[in-house]
Amino acid sequence: MQALHEACVNRSLNAAVSHVISNNSDAAGLDYARQHNIRTSVVDHRDFTQRSDFDAALTETILQAGHTDLIILAGFMRQLTATFTNRFAGRLINIHPSLLPRHPGLDTHNKALACGDTWHGCSVHFVNEELDAGALIARGVVPVLANDTESTLASRVLATEHRILPAVTHLLLHGELVWQDDHVKFKDITLHNPILYCYT
């Protein structure tokens, strides 16, 4: 979220972060948003016994903010229901720290090292009700180095996340990239593979 806001401030992304919502009142992103006069809300999942009730409250919080062009899940660790994801289909994206569909879920950097992967990175995808399974938009790829630890690999992947998320956001907000007819389209061309951003 901070990387997106900084891209807006330096005008590399012609947009604005209008509302930061978290299910965790202690999230650092909320403090950052308040320091920069961005509207914040907390919808604590622990206040609800049903996932559907949490998602309904989250939906209402988003709608109360007025028209929203894009909803970006950055560090949001809750799986959402089909009712929620269908409501915002085509403008709900997530970034995940692996080259999906490889290593969904948690602990992705350790998994990459344990599996002996030579390449790792992050993926931006449209969100559906399945865990890390929505249509892929882009991947940011970094090599796994011989001396990598979980910490060093995570650091390079995070830097990559901070580069590709604003880039993909720009494409979506300017209509160059869309979700249409159950496909990701880039300038009216159906993508059969995600866009690749490669870094060292």
N, C-alpha and C. Protein backbone atom coordinates (compact mmCIF):
# COMPACT_ATOMS: atom_id res chain seq x y z
N MET A 1 0.82 -1.20 0.00
CA MET A 1 0.00 0.00 0.00
C MET A 1 0.86 1.25 0.00
N GLN A 2 1.93 1.25 0.79
CA GLN A 2 2.82 2.40 0.83
C GLN A 2 3.47 2.62 -0.53
N ALA A 3 3.88 1.54 -1.18
CA ALA A 3 4.49 1.68 -2.51
C ALA A 3 3.49 2.28 -3.50
N LEU A 4 2.24 1.87 -3.41
CA LEU A 4 1.22 2.44 -4.30
C LEU A 4 1.02 3.92 -4.02
N HIS A 5 0.94 4.28 -2.75
CA HIS A 5 0.75 5.68 -2.40
C HIS A 5 1.93 6.53 -2.86
N GLU A 6 3.15 6.01 -2.66
CA GLU A 6 4.33 6.76 -3.08
C GLU A 6 4.36 6.93 -4.60
N ALA A 7 3.90 5.92 -5.34
CA ALA A 7 3.82 6.05 -6.79
C ALA A 7 2.82 7.11 -7.20
N CYS A 8 1.73 7.22 -6.44
CA CYS A 8 0.74 8.29 -6.71
C CYS A 8 1.33 9.66 -6.42
N VAL A 9 2.06 9.77 -5.33
CA VAL A 9 2.64 11.06 -4.93
C VAL A 9 3.68 11.53 -5.93
N ASN A 10 4.52 10.61 -6.41
CA ASN A 10 5.56 11.03 -7.35
C ASN A 10 5.08 11.04 -8.80
N ARG A 11 3.79 10.75 -8.97
CA ARG A 11 3.11 10.85 -10.27
C ARG A 11 3.54 9.80 -11.28
N SER A 12 4.24 8.76 -10.84
CA SER A 12 4.48 7.65 -11.75
C SER A 12 3.22 6.82 -11.93
N LEU A 13 2.27 7.01 -11.01
CA LEU A 13 0.95 6.40 -11.12
C LEU A 13 -0.08 7.52 -10.99
N ASN A 14 -0.86 7.74 -12.04
CA ASN A 14 -1.85 8.81 -12.05
C ASN A 14 -3.13 8.33 -11.39
N ALA A 15 -3.09 8.31 -10.06
CA ALA A 15 -4.20 7.78 -9.28
C ALA A 15 -4.09 8.31 -7.86
N ALA A 16 -5.00 7.87 -7.00
CA ALA A 16 -4.95 8.25 -5.60
C ALA A 16 -5.44 7.08 -4.76
N VAL A 17 -4.80 6.87 -3.63
CA VAL A 17 -5.28 5.89 -2.65
C VAL A 17 -6.35 6.60 -1.83
N SER A 18 -7.59 6.17 -1.97
CA SER A 18 -8.69 6.91 -1.35
C SER A 18 -9.13 6.34 -0.01
N HIS A 19 -8.85 5.06 0.24
CA HIS A 19 -9.38 4.43 1.45
C HIS A 19 -8.52 3.21 1.76
N VAL A 20 -8.08 3.08 2.99
CA VAL A 20 -7.32 1.91 3.43
C VAL A 20 -8.16 1.18 4.47
N ILE A 21 -8.44 -0.09 4.19
CA ILE A 21 -9.28 -0.91 5.07
C ILE A 21 -8.47 -2.10 5.54
N SER A 22 -8.57 -2.42 6.81
CA SER A 22 -7.87 -3.58 7.35
C SER A 22 -8.79 -4.36 8.28
N ASN A 23 -8.53 -5.65 8.40
CA ASN A 23 -9.23 -6.45 9.40
C ASN A 23 -8.45 -6.50 10.71
N ASN A 24 -7.34 -5.76 10.77
CA ASN A 24 -6.47 -5.76 11.95
C ASN A 24 -6.22 -4.31 12.37
N SER A 25 -6.72 -3.94 13.52
CA SER A 25 -6.60 -2.54 13.97
C SER A 25 -5.16 -2.12 14.23
N ASP A 26 -4.24 -3.10 14.37
CA ASP A 26 -2.84 -2.79 14.62
C ASP A 26 -2.00 -2.75 13.35
N ALA A 27 -2.61 -2.90 12.19
CA ALA A 27 -1.86 -2.95 10.93
C ALA A 27 -1.08 -1.66 10.71
N ALA A 28 0.20 -1.82 10.35
CA ALA A 28 1.06 -0.65 10.13
C ALA A 28 0.53 0.23 9.00
N GLY A 29 -0.14 -0.38 8.03
CA GLY A 29 -0.68 0.38 6.91
C GLY A 29 -1.70 1.42 7.34
N LEU A 30 -2.44 1.13 8.41
CA LEU A 30 -3.41 2.10 8.91
C LEU A 30 -2.70 3.33 9.46
N ASP A 31 -1.63 3.12 10.21
CA ASP A 31 -0.86 4.25 10.75
C ASP A 31 -0.29 5.09 9.61
N TYR A 32 0.26 4.43 8.60
CA TYR A 32 0.81 5.16 7.46
C TYR A 32 -0.28 5.98 6.78
N ALA A 33 -1.44 5.37 6.57
CA ALA A 33 -2.54 6.07 5.90
C ALA A 33 -2.98 7.29 6.70
N ARG A 34 -3.11 7.15 8.00
CA ARG A 34 -3.54 8.28 8.83
C ARG A 34 -2.51 9.41 8.78
N GLN A 35 -1.23 9.06 8.77
CA GLN A 35 -0.19 10.08 8.69
C GLN A 35 -0.25 10.86 7.38
N HIS A 36 -0.85 10.25 6.35
CA HIS A 36 -0.93 10.90 5.04
C HIS A 36 -2.36 11.30 4.69
N ASN A 37 -3.19 11.41 5.73
CA ASN A 37 -4.57 11.91 5.58
C ASN A 37 -5.40 11.09 4.59
N ILE A 38 -5.20 9.77 4.61
CA ILE A 38 -6.00 8.86 3.81
C ILE A 38 -7.06 8.25 4.73
N ARG A 39 -8.26 8.19 4.24
CA ARG A 39 -9.36 7.63 5.03
C ARG A 39 -9.06 6.18 5.40
N THR A 40 -9.37 5.79 6.62
CA THR A 40 -9.14 4.42 7.09
C THR A 40 -10.40 3.84 7.72
N SER A 41 -10.49 2.51 7.66
CA SER A 41 -11.56 1.77 8.34
C SER A 41 -11.00 0.44 8.81
N VAL A 42 -11.58 -0.08 9.88
CA VAL A 42 -11.25 -1.41 10.37
C VAL A 42 -12.53 -2.24 10.37
N VAL A 43 -12.47 -3.40 9.71
CA VAL A 43 -13.55 -4.38 9.76
C VAL A 43 -12.91 -5.66 10.31
N ASP A 44 -13.06 -5.88 11.60
CA ASP A 44 -12.36 -6.97 12.29
C ASP A 44 -13.12 -8.28 12.06
N HIS A 45 -12.46 -9.24 11.42
CA HIS A 45 -13.12 -10.52 11.13
C HIS A 45 -13.50 -11.26 12.41
N ARG A 46 -12.84 -10.94 13.52
CA ARG A 46 -13.15 -11.62 14.77
C ARG A 46 -14.49 -11.21 15.36
N ASP A 47 -15.07 -10.15 14.82
CA ASP A 47 -16.39 -9.71 15.27
C ASP A 47 -17.52 -10.49 14.61
N PHE A 48 -17.18 -11.42 13.71
CA PHE A 48 -18.19 -12.14 12.95
C PHE A 48 -17.98 -13.64 13.08
N THR A 49 -19.07 -14.38 13.20
CA THR A 49 -18.97 -15.83 13.30
C THR A 49 -19.00 -16.49 11.93
N GLN A 50 -19.52 -15.80 10.93
CA GLN A 50 -19.61 -16.34 9.59
C GLN A 50 -18.77 -15.51 8.62
N ARG A 51 -18.07 -16.19 7.70
CA ARG A 51 -17.30 -15.48 6.68
C ARG A 51 -18.21 -14.57 5.85
N SER A 52 -19.41 -15.04 5.58
CA SER A 52 -20.33 -14.25 4.76
C SER A 52 -20.71 -12.94 5.44
N ASP A 53 -20.83 -12.95 6.75
CA ASP A 53 -21.17 -11.73 7.48
C ASP A 53 -20.01 -10.73 7.45
N PHE A 54 -18.80 -11.26 7.61
CA PHE A 54 -17.62 -10.39 7.49
C PHE A 54 -17.55 -9.77 6.10
N ASP A 55 -17.74 -10.58 5.08
CA ASP A 55 -17.67 -10.08 3.71
C ASP A 55 -18.75 -9.05 3.43
N ALA A 56 -19.94 -9.25 4.02
CA ALA A 56 -21.02 -8.28 3.85
C ALA A 56 -20.65 -6.94 4.48
N ALA A 57 -20.05 -6.99 5.66
CA ALA A 57 -19.62 -5.75 6.32
C ALA A 57 -18.50 -5.07 5.54
N LEU A 58 -17.60 -5.87 4.99
CA LEU A 58 -16.52 -5.32 4.19
C LEU A 58 -17.07 -4.67 2.92
N THR A 59 -18.03 -5.32 2.31
CA THR A 59 -18.68 -4.76 1.11
C THR A 59 -19.32 -3.42 1.44
N GLU A 60 -20.03 -3.35 2.53
CA GLU A 60 -20.71 -2.11 2.91
C GLU A 60 -19.70 -1.00 3.17
N THR A 61 -18.59 -1.32 3.79
CA THR A 61 -17.55 -0.32 4.05
C THR A 61 -16.99 0.23 2.75
N ILE A 62 -16.78 -0.65 1.78
CA ILE A 62 -16.28 -0.21 0.47
C ILE A 62 -17.30 0.66 -0.24
N LEU A 63 -18.56 0.25 -0.21
CA LEU A 63 -19.60 1.00 -0.92
C LEU A 63 -19.84 2.37 -0.30
N GLN A 64 -19.70 2.47 1.01
CA GLN A 64 -19.89 3.75 1.68
C GLN A 64 -18.86 4.79 1.24
N ALA A 65 -17.73 4.32 0.75
CA ALA A 65 -16.68 5.24 0.32
C ALA A 65 -16.99 5.88 -1.03
N GLY A 66 -18.04 5.41 -1.71
CA GLY A 66 -18.36 5.93 -3.02
C GLY A 66 -17.71 5.09 -4.11
N HIS A 67 -17.71 5.61 -5.33
CA HIS A 67 -17.20 4.84 -6.45
C HIS A 67 -15.71 4.53 -6.26
N THR A 68 -15.36 3.28 -6.48
CA THR A 68 -13.98 2.82 -6.38
C THR A 68 -13.60 2.14 -7.68
N ASP A 69 -12.55 2.62 -8.33
CA ASP A 69 -12.14 2.04 -9.61
C ASP A 69 -11.47 0.69 -9.44
N LEU A 70 -10.73 0.54 -8.34
CA LEU A 70 -9.92 -0.67 -8.17
C LEU A 70 -9.78 -0.97 -6.68
N ILE A 71 -9.91 -2.23 -6.32
CA ILE A 71 -9.73 -2.68 -4.94
C ILE A 71 -8.51 -3.60 -4.93
N ILE A 72 -7.50 -3.22 -4.17
CA ILE A 72 -6.23 -3.93 -4.19
C ILE A 72 -5.99 -4.57 -2.83
N LEU A 73 -5.82 -5.88 -2.82
CA LEU A 73 -5.50 -6.60 -1.60
C LEU A 73 -3.98 -6.68 -1.48
N ALA A 74 -3.44 -5.91 -0.57
CA ALA A 74 -1.99 -5.86 -0.38
C ALA A 74 -1.71 -6.23 1.07
N GLY A 75 -1.33 -7.48 1.29
CA GLY A 75 -1.11 -7.94 2.66
C GLY A 75 -2.39 -8.32 3.38
N PHE A 76 -3.49 -8.46 2.65
CA PHE A 76 -4.77 -8.86 3.24
C PHE A 76 -4.84 -10.38 3.23
N MET A 77 -4.96 -10.98 4.40
CA MET A 77 -4.74 -12.43 4.53
C MET A 77 -6.03 -13.21 4.76
N ARG A 78 -7.15 -12.71 4.27
CA ARG A 78 -8.42 -13.41 4.44
C ARG A 78 -8.93 -13.92 3.10
N GLN A 79 -9.40 -15.16 3.08
CA GLN A 79 -10.03 -15.70 1.88
C GLN A 79 -11.46 -15.19 1.82
N LEU A 80 -11.87 -14.72 0.66
CA LEU A 80 -13.16 -14.06 0.49
C LEU A 80 -14.17 -14.98 -0.18
N THR A 81 -15.45 -14.74 0.07
CA THR A 81 -16.50 -15.57 -0.49
C THR A 81 -16.78 -15.20 -1.94
N ALA A 82 -17.43 -16.12 -2.64
CA ALA A 82 -17.80 -15.87 -4.04
C ALA A 82 -18.74 -14.68 -4.15
N THR A 83 -19.61 -14.48 -3.18
CA THR A 83 -20.52 -13.34 -3.21
C THR A 83 -19.74 -12.03 -3.27
N PHE A 84 -18.69 -11.94 -2.47
CA PHE A 84 -17.86 -10.73 -2.45
C PHE A 84 -17.06 -10.60 -3.75
N THR A 85 -16.37 -11.65 -4.13
CA THR A 85 -15.49 -11.55 -5.30
C THR A 85 -16.28 -11.32 -6.58
N ASN A 86 -17.47 -11.92 -6.69
CA ASN A 86 -18.30 -11.68 -7.88
C ASN A 86 -18.82 -10.25 -7.92
N ARG A 87 -19.09 -9.69 -6.75
CA ARG A 87 -19.59 -8.30 -6.69
C ARG A 87 -18.57 -7.33 -7.29
N PHE A 88 -17.29 -7.59 -7.05
CA PHE A 88 -16.24 -6.67 -7.50
C PHE A 88 -15.36 -7.28 -8.61
N ALA A 89 -15.90 -8.26 -9.32
CA ALA A 89 -15.13 -8.93 -10.36
C ALA A 89 -14.62 -7.94 -11.39
N GLY A 90 -13.35 -8.10 -11.76
CA GLY A 90 -12.74 -7.22 -12.76
C GLY A 90 -12.06 -6.01 -12.17
N ARG A 91 -12.32 -5.72 -10.90
CA ARG A 91 -11.64 -4.60 -10.24
C ARG A 91 -11.14 -4.96 -8.84
N LEU A 92 -10.93 -6.25 -8.63
CA LEU A 92 -10.43 -6.76 -7.37
C LEU A 92 -9.18 -7.58 -7.66
N ILE A 93 -8.01 -7.09 -7.22
CA ILE A 93 -6.76 -7.78 -7.49
C ILE A 93 -5.97 -8.02 -6.21
N ASN A 94 -5.05 -8.97 -6.30
CA ASN A 94 -4.19 -9.30 -5.17
C ASN A 94 -2.76 -9.49 -5.67
N ILE A 95 -1.80 -9.28 -4.79
CA ILE A 95 -0.42 -9.64 -5.10
C ILE A 95 0.03 -10.70 -4.11
N HIS A 96 0.67 -11.74 -4.65
CA HIS A 96 1.05 -12.90 -3.84
C HIS A 96 2.54 -13.18 -4.03
N PRO A 97 3.28 -13.48 -2.95
CA PRO A 97 4.73 -13.65 -3.05
C PRO A 97 5.17 -15.03 -3.53
N SER A 98 4.73 -15.41 -4.73
CA SER A 98 5.26 -16.60 -5.40
C SER A 98 4.86 -16.51 -6.86
N LEU A 99 5.42 -17.40 -7.66
CA LEU A 99 5.08 -17.46 -9.08
C LEU A 99 3.90 -18.43 -9.24
N LEU A 100 2.71 -17.92 -8.95
CA LEU A 100 1.52 -18.76 -9.03
C LEU A 100 1.40 -19.38 -10.41
N PRO A 101 0.88 -20.61 -10.47
CA PRO A 101 0.22 -21.37 -9.39
C PRO A 101 1.17 -22.11 -8.43
N ARG A 102 2.46 -21.88 -8.57
CA ARG A 102 3.41 -22.51 -7.66
C ARG A 102 3.36 -21.81 -6.30
N HIS A 103 3.33 -22.58 -5.24
CA HIS A 103 3.39 -22.12 -3.85
C HIS A 103 2.27 -21.14 -3.46
N PRO A 104 1.01 -21.56 -3.56
CA PRO A 104 -0.06 -20.73 -2.99
C PRO A 104 0.01 -20.77 -1.47
N GLY A 105 -0.74 -19.88 -0.83
CA GLY A 105 -0.80 -19.88 0.63
C GLY A 105 0.40 -19.22 1.28
N LEU A 106 0.73 -19.68 2.47
CA LEU A 106 1.75 -19.03 3.30
C LEU A 106 3.13 -19.66 3.11
N ASP A 107 4.14 -19.00 3.69
CA ASP A 107 5.51 -19.54 3.78
C ASP A 107 6.12 -19.81 2.41
N THR A 108 5.88 -18.92 1.47
CA THR A 108 6.26 -19.17 0.08
C THR A 108 7.77 -19.17 -0.14
N HIS A 109 8.50 -18.33 0.57
CA HIS A 109 9.95 -18.24 0.35
C HIS A 109 10.65 -19.51 0.85
N ASN A 110 10.24 -20.00 2.00
CA ASN A 110 10.80 -21.26 2.49
C ASN A 110 10.46 -22.41 1.55
N LYS A 111 9.25 -22.40 1.01
CA LYS A 111 8.85 -23.47 0.08
C LYS A 111 9.73 -23.44 -1.17
N ALA A 112 9.99 -22.23 -1.68
CA ALA A 112 10.82 -22.11 -2.88
C ALA A 112 12.23 -22.65 -2.62
N LEU A 113 12.78 -22.32 -1.46
CA LEU A 113 14.12 -22.79 -1.12
C LEU A 113 14.13 -24.31 -0.89
N ALA A 114 13.13 -24.81 -0.19
CA ALA A 114 13.07 -26.24 0.11
C ALA A 114 12.90 -27.08 -1.15
N CYS A 115 12.21 -26.51 -2.14
CA CYS A 115 11.97 -27.24 -3.39
C CYS A 115 13.12 -27.10 -4.38
N GLY A 116 14.12 -26.28 -4.03
CA GLY A 116 15.24 -26.09 -4.93
C GLY A 116 14.90 -25.27 -6.17
N ASP A 117 13.91 -24.39 -6.05
CA ASP A 117 13.53 -23.55 -7.19
C ASP A 117 14.69 -22.67 -7.62
N THR A 118 14.85 -22.51 -8.90
CA THR A 118 15.88 -21.59 -9.41
C THR A 118 15.31 -20.20 -9.67
N TRP A 119 13.98 -20.10 -9.77
CA TRP A 119 13.30 -18.82 -9.96
C TRP A 119 12.18 -18.69 -8.95
N HIS A 120 11.97 -17.47 -8.49
CA HIS A 120 10.93 -17.18 -7.51
C HIS A 120 10.40 -15.79 -7.86
N GLY A 121 9.47 -15.28 -7.09
CA GLY A 121 8.96 -13.95 -7.39
C GLY A 121 7.59 -13.71 -6.81
N CYS A 122 6.78 -12.97 -7.54
CA CYS A 122 5.45 -12.60 -7.08
C CYS A 122 4.49 -12.58 -8.26
N SER A 123 3.21 -12.63 -7.94
CA SER A 123 2.17 -12.67 -8.97
C SER A 123 1.05 -11.71 -8.62
N VAL A 124 0.57 -10.98 -9.62
CA VAL A 124 -0.63 -10.16 -9.48
C VAL A 124 -1.74 -10.90 -10.21
N HIS A 125 -2.88 -11.04 -9.53
CA HIS A 125 -3.98 -11.80 -10.14
C HIS A 125 -5.32 -11.21 -9.73
N PHE A 126 -6.31 -11.43 -10.58
CA PHE A 126 -7.68 -11.12 -10.19
C PHE A 126 -8.08 -12.10 -9.09
N VAL A 127 -8.96 -11.66 -8.22
CA VAL A 127 -9.32 -12.45 -7.04
C VAL A 127 -10.65 -13.16 -7.26
N ASN A 128 -10.66 -14.45 -6.97
CA ASN A 128 -11.92 -15.17 -6.88
C ASN A 128 -12.00 -15.81 -5.50
N GLU A 129 -13.00 -16.69 -5.31
CA GLU A 129 -13.22 -17.25 -3.97
C GLU A 129 -12.22 -18.33 -3.60
N GLU A 130 -11.42 -18.79 -4.55
CA GLU A 130 -10.43 -19.82 -4.25
C GLU A 130 -9.11 -19.18 -3.82
N LEU A 131 -8.35 -19.90 -3.03
CA LEU A 131 -7.12 -19.36 -2.48
C LEU A 131 -6.07 -19.17 -3.57
N ASP A 132 -5.69 -17.91 -3.81
CA ASP A 132 -4.61 -17.57 -4.74
C ASP A 132 -4.80 -18.22 -6.11
N ALA A 133 -6.05 -18.27 -6.58
CA ALA A 133 -6.34 -19.03 -7.80
C ALA A 133 -7.00 -18.19 -8.89
N GLY A 134 -7.16 -16.90 -8.72
CA GLY A 134 -7.78 -16.07 -9.74
C GLY A 134 -6.89 -15.93 -10.96
N ALA A 135 -7.47 -15.42 -12.05
CA ALA A 135 -6.73 -15.30 -13.32
C ALA A 135 -5.48 -14.45 -13.14
N LEU A 136 -4.37 -14.98 -13.63
CA LEU A 136 -3.08 -14.30 -13.49
C LEU A 136 -2.98 -13.12 -14.45
N ILE A 137 -2.46 -12.00 -13.94
CA ILE A 137 -2.23 -10.80 -14.75
C ILE A 137 -0.74 -10.65 -15.07
N ALA A 138 0.10 -10.75 -14.04
CA ALA A 138 1.53 -10.53 -14.23
C ALA A 138 2.32 -11.28 -13.18
N ARG A 139 3.58 -11.59 -13.54
CA ARG A 139 4.52 -12.17 -12.59
C ARG A 139 5.78 -11.32 -12.58
N GLY A 140 6.33 -11.12 -11.40
CA GLY A 140 7.64 -10.51 -11.25
C GLY A 140 8.62 -11.60 -10.87
N VAL A 141 9.65 -11.79 -11.66
CA VAL A 141 10.54 -12.95 -11.51
C VAL A 141 11.92 -12.50 -11.03
N VAL A 142 12.45 -13.21 -10.03
CA VAL A 142 13.83 -13.00 -9.57
C VAL A 142 14.52 -14.34 -9.48
N PRO A 143 15.84 -14.40 -9.69
CA PRO A 143 16.55 -15.67 -9.54
C PRO A 143 16.71 -16.02 -8.07
N VAL A 144 16.74 -17.31 -7.79
CA VAL A 144 17.10 -17.77 -6.45
C VAL A 144 18.60 -18.00 -6.46
N LEU A 145 19.32 -17.28 -5.60
CA LEU A 145 20.77 -17.33 -5.58
C LEU A 145 21.26 -18.46 -4.67
N ALA A 146 22.46 -18.92 -4.92
CA ALA A 146 23.01 -20.07 -4.19
C ALA A 146 23.08 -19.81 -2.69
N ASN A 147 23.34 -18.58 -2.31
CA ASN A 147 23.49 -18.26 -0.88
C ASN A 147 22.24 -17.64 -0.27
N ASP A 148 21.11 -17.74 -0.96
CA ASP A 148 19.88 -17.12 -0.44
C ASP A 148 19.40 -17.79 0.83
N THR A 149 18.90 -16.95 1.74
CA THR A 149 18.15 -17.39 2.90
C THR A 149 16.71 -16.94 2.70
N GLU A 150 15.85 -17.35 3.58
CA GLU A 150 14.46 -16.89 3.49
C GLU A 150 14.41 -15.37 3.51
N SER A 151 15.22 -14.75 4.36
CA SER A 151 15.21 -13.30 4.51
C SER A 151 15.70 -12.58 3.26
N THR A 152 16.80 -13.02 2.69
CA THR A 152 17.33 -12.33 1.51
C THR A 152 16.41 -12.51 0.31
N LEU A 153 15.86 -13.71 0.17
CA LEU A 153 14.94 -13.95 -0.94
C LEU A 153 13.67 -13.14 -0.77
N ALA A 154 13.13 -13.10 0.44
CA ALA A 154 11.92 -12.33 0.71
C ALA A 154 12.13 -10.85 0.41
N SER A 155 13.32 -10.35 0.74
CA SER A 155 13.62 -8.94 0.51
C SER A 155 13.59 -8.60 -0.98
N ARG A 156 14.17 -9.46 -1.82
CA ARG A 156 14.19 -9.21 -3.26
C ARG A 156 12.79 -9.34 -3.87
N VAL A 157 12.03 -10.30 -3.35
CA VAL A 157 10.66 -10.46 -3.85
C VAL A 157 9.81 -9.25 -3.47
N LEU A 158 9.98 -8.76 -2.25
CA LEU A 158 9.21 -7.59 -1.82
C LEU A 158 9.52 -6.38 -2.69
N ALA A 159 10.80 -6.17 -3.00
CA ALA A 159 11.17 -5.06 -3.88
C ALA A 159 10.51 -5.22 -5.24
N THR A 160 10.40 -6.45 -5.71
CA THR A 160 9.74 -6.72 -6.99
C THR A 160 8.25 -6.44 -6.89
N GLU A 161 7.62 -6.82 -5.79
CA GLU A 161 6.20 -6.51 -5.57
C GLU A 161 5.97 -5.01 -5.67
N HIS A 162 6.86 -4.24 -5.07
CA HIS A 162 6.69 -2.78 -5.06
C HIS A 162 6.84 -2.17 -6.44
N ARG A 163 7.43 -2.91 -7.37
CA ARG A 163 7.59 -2.41 -8.73
C ARG A 163 6.43 -2.83 -9.63
N ILE A 164 6.02 -4.11 -9.52
CA ILE A 164 5.01 -4.55 -10.49
C ILE A 164 3.60 -4.17 -10.10
N LEU A 165 3.31 -4.02 -8.79
CA LEU A 165 1.94 -3.69 -8.42
C LEU A 165 1.53 -2.31 -8.93
N PRO A 166 2.35 -1.26 -8.77
CA PRO A 166 1.99 0.03 -9.39
C PRO A 166 1.90 -0.06 -10.91
N ALA A 167 2.77 -0.85 -11.53
CA ALA A 167 2.76 -0.97 -12.99
C ALA A 167 1.45 -1.60 -13.47
N VAL A 168 1.02 -2.67 -12.82
CA VAL A 168 -0.24 -3.32 -13.20
C VAL A 168 -1.42 -2.41 -12.88
N THR A 169 -1.36 -1.73 -11.74
CA THR A 169 -2.43 -0.80 -11.37
C THR A 169 -2.60 0.27 -12.45
N HIS A 170 -1.49 0.79 -12.96
CA HIS A 170 -1.55 1.78 -14.03
C HIS A 170 -2.28 1.22 -15.25
N LEU A 171 -1.94 0.01 -15.65
CA LEU A 171 -2.57 -0.60 -16.83
C LEU A 171 -4.07 -0.79 -16.62
N LEU A 172 -4.46 -1.20 -15.43
CA LEU A 172 -5.87 -1.42 -15.14
C LEU A 172 -6.65 -0.11 -15.10
N LEU A 173 -6.11 0.89 -14.45
CA LEU A 173 -6.82 2.16 -14.30
C LEU A 173 -6.96 2.91 -15.63
N HIS A 174 -6.05 2.64 -16.56
CA HIS A 174 -6.11 3.31 -17.86
C HIS A 174 -6.76 2.46 -18.94
N GLY A 175 -7.37 1.36 -18.52
CA GLY A 175 -8.15 0.55 -19.44
C GLY A 175 -7.34 -0.25 -20.43
N GLU A 176 -6.03 -0.31 -20.25
CA GLU A 176 -5.20 -1.09 -21.15
C GLU A 176 -5.28 -2.58 -20.84
N LEU A 177 -5.62 -2.88 -19.60
CA LEU A 177 -5.73 -4.25 -19.14
C LEU A 177 -7.11 -4.41 -18.51
N VAL A 178 -7.87 -5.42 -18.94
CA VAL A 178 -9.23 -5.60 -18.42
C VAL A 178 -9.53 -7.08 -18.23
N TRP A 179 -10.51 -7.34 -17.39
CA TRP A 179 -11.07 -8.67 -17.23
C TRP A 179 -12.36 -8.69 -18.03
N GLN A 180 -12.40 -9.51 -19.08
CA GLN A 180 -13.54 -9.51 -19.99
C GLN A 180 -13.80 -10.92 -20.50
N ASP A 181 -15.06 -11.34 -20.43
CA ASP A 181 -15.44 -12.66 -20.94
C ASP A 181 -14.58 -13.77 -20.32
N ASP A 182 -14.33 -13.65 -19.02
CA ASP A 182 -13.54 -14.66 -18.29
C ASP A 182 -12.09 -14.76 -18.76
N HIS A 183 -11.58 -13.69 -19.34
CA HIS A 183 -10.18 -13.68 -19.79
C HIS A 183 -9.54 -12.34 -19.42
N VAL A 184 -8.22 -12.39 -19.24
CA VAL A 184 -7.45 -11.16 -19.08
C VAL A 184 -7.08 -10.66 -20.47
N LYS A 185 -7.41 -9.39 -20.75
CA LYS A 185 -7.11 -8.82 -22.07
C LYS A 185 -6.21 -7.61 -21.91
N PHE A 186 -5.19 -7.55 -22.74
CA PHE A 186 -4.25 -6.43 -22.77
C PHE A 186 -4.36 -5.77 -24.14
N LYS A 187 -4.89 -4.54 -24.15
CA LYS A 187 -5.10 -3.81 -25.40
C LYS A 187 -5.86 -4.68 -26.41
N ASP A 188 -6.96 -5.28 -25.92
CA ASP A 188 -7.87 -6.10 -26.73
C ASP A 188 -7.28 -7.44 -27.15
N ILE A 189 -6.11 -7.79 -26.68
CA ILE A 189 -5.51 -9.09 -26.99
C ILE A 189 -5.66 -9.99 -25.76
N THR A 190 -6.26 -11.15 -25.94
CA THR A 190 -6.41 -12.09 -24.85
C THR A 190 -5.05 -12.66 -24.44
N LEU A 191 -4.73 -12.55 -23.16
CA LEU A 191 -3.46 -13.07 -22.66
C LEU A 191 -3.61 -14.53 -22.27
N HIS A 192 -2.81 -15.38 -22.89
CA HIS A 192 -2.80 -16.79 -22.52
C HIS A 192 -1.75 -17.07 -21.46
N ASN A 193 -0.85 -16.13 -21.27
CA ASN A 193 0.15 -16.19 -20.22
C ASN A 193 0.26 -14.81 -19.59
N PRO A 194 0.60 -14.73 -18.31
CA PRO A 194 0.70 -13.42 -17.66
C PRO A 194 1.88 -12.61 -18.19
N ILE A 195 1.78 -11.29 -18.02
CA ILE A 195 2.90 -10.39 -18.34
C ILE A 195 4.06 -10.72 -17.40
N LEU A 196 5.28 -10.73 -17.94
CA LEU A 196 6.46 -11.02 -17.12
C LEU A 196 7.29 -9.77 -16.90
N TYR A 197 7.67 -9.52 -15.66
CA TYR A 197 8.63 -8.49 -15.29
C TYR A 197 9.80 -9.24 -14.66
N CYS A 198 10.98 -9.11 -15.23
CA CYS A 198 12.15 -9.86 -14.75
C CYS A 198 13.19 -8.93 -14.13
N TYR A 199 13.71 -9.32 -12.98
CA TYR A 199 14.68 -8.53 -12.24
C TYR A 199 15.82 -9.41 -11.77
N THR A 200 16.93 -8.79 -11.42
CA THR A 200 18.06 -9.54 -10.88
C THR A 200 18.12 -9.37 -9.38
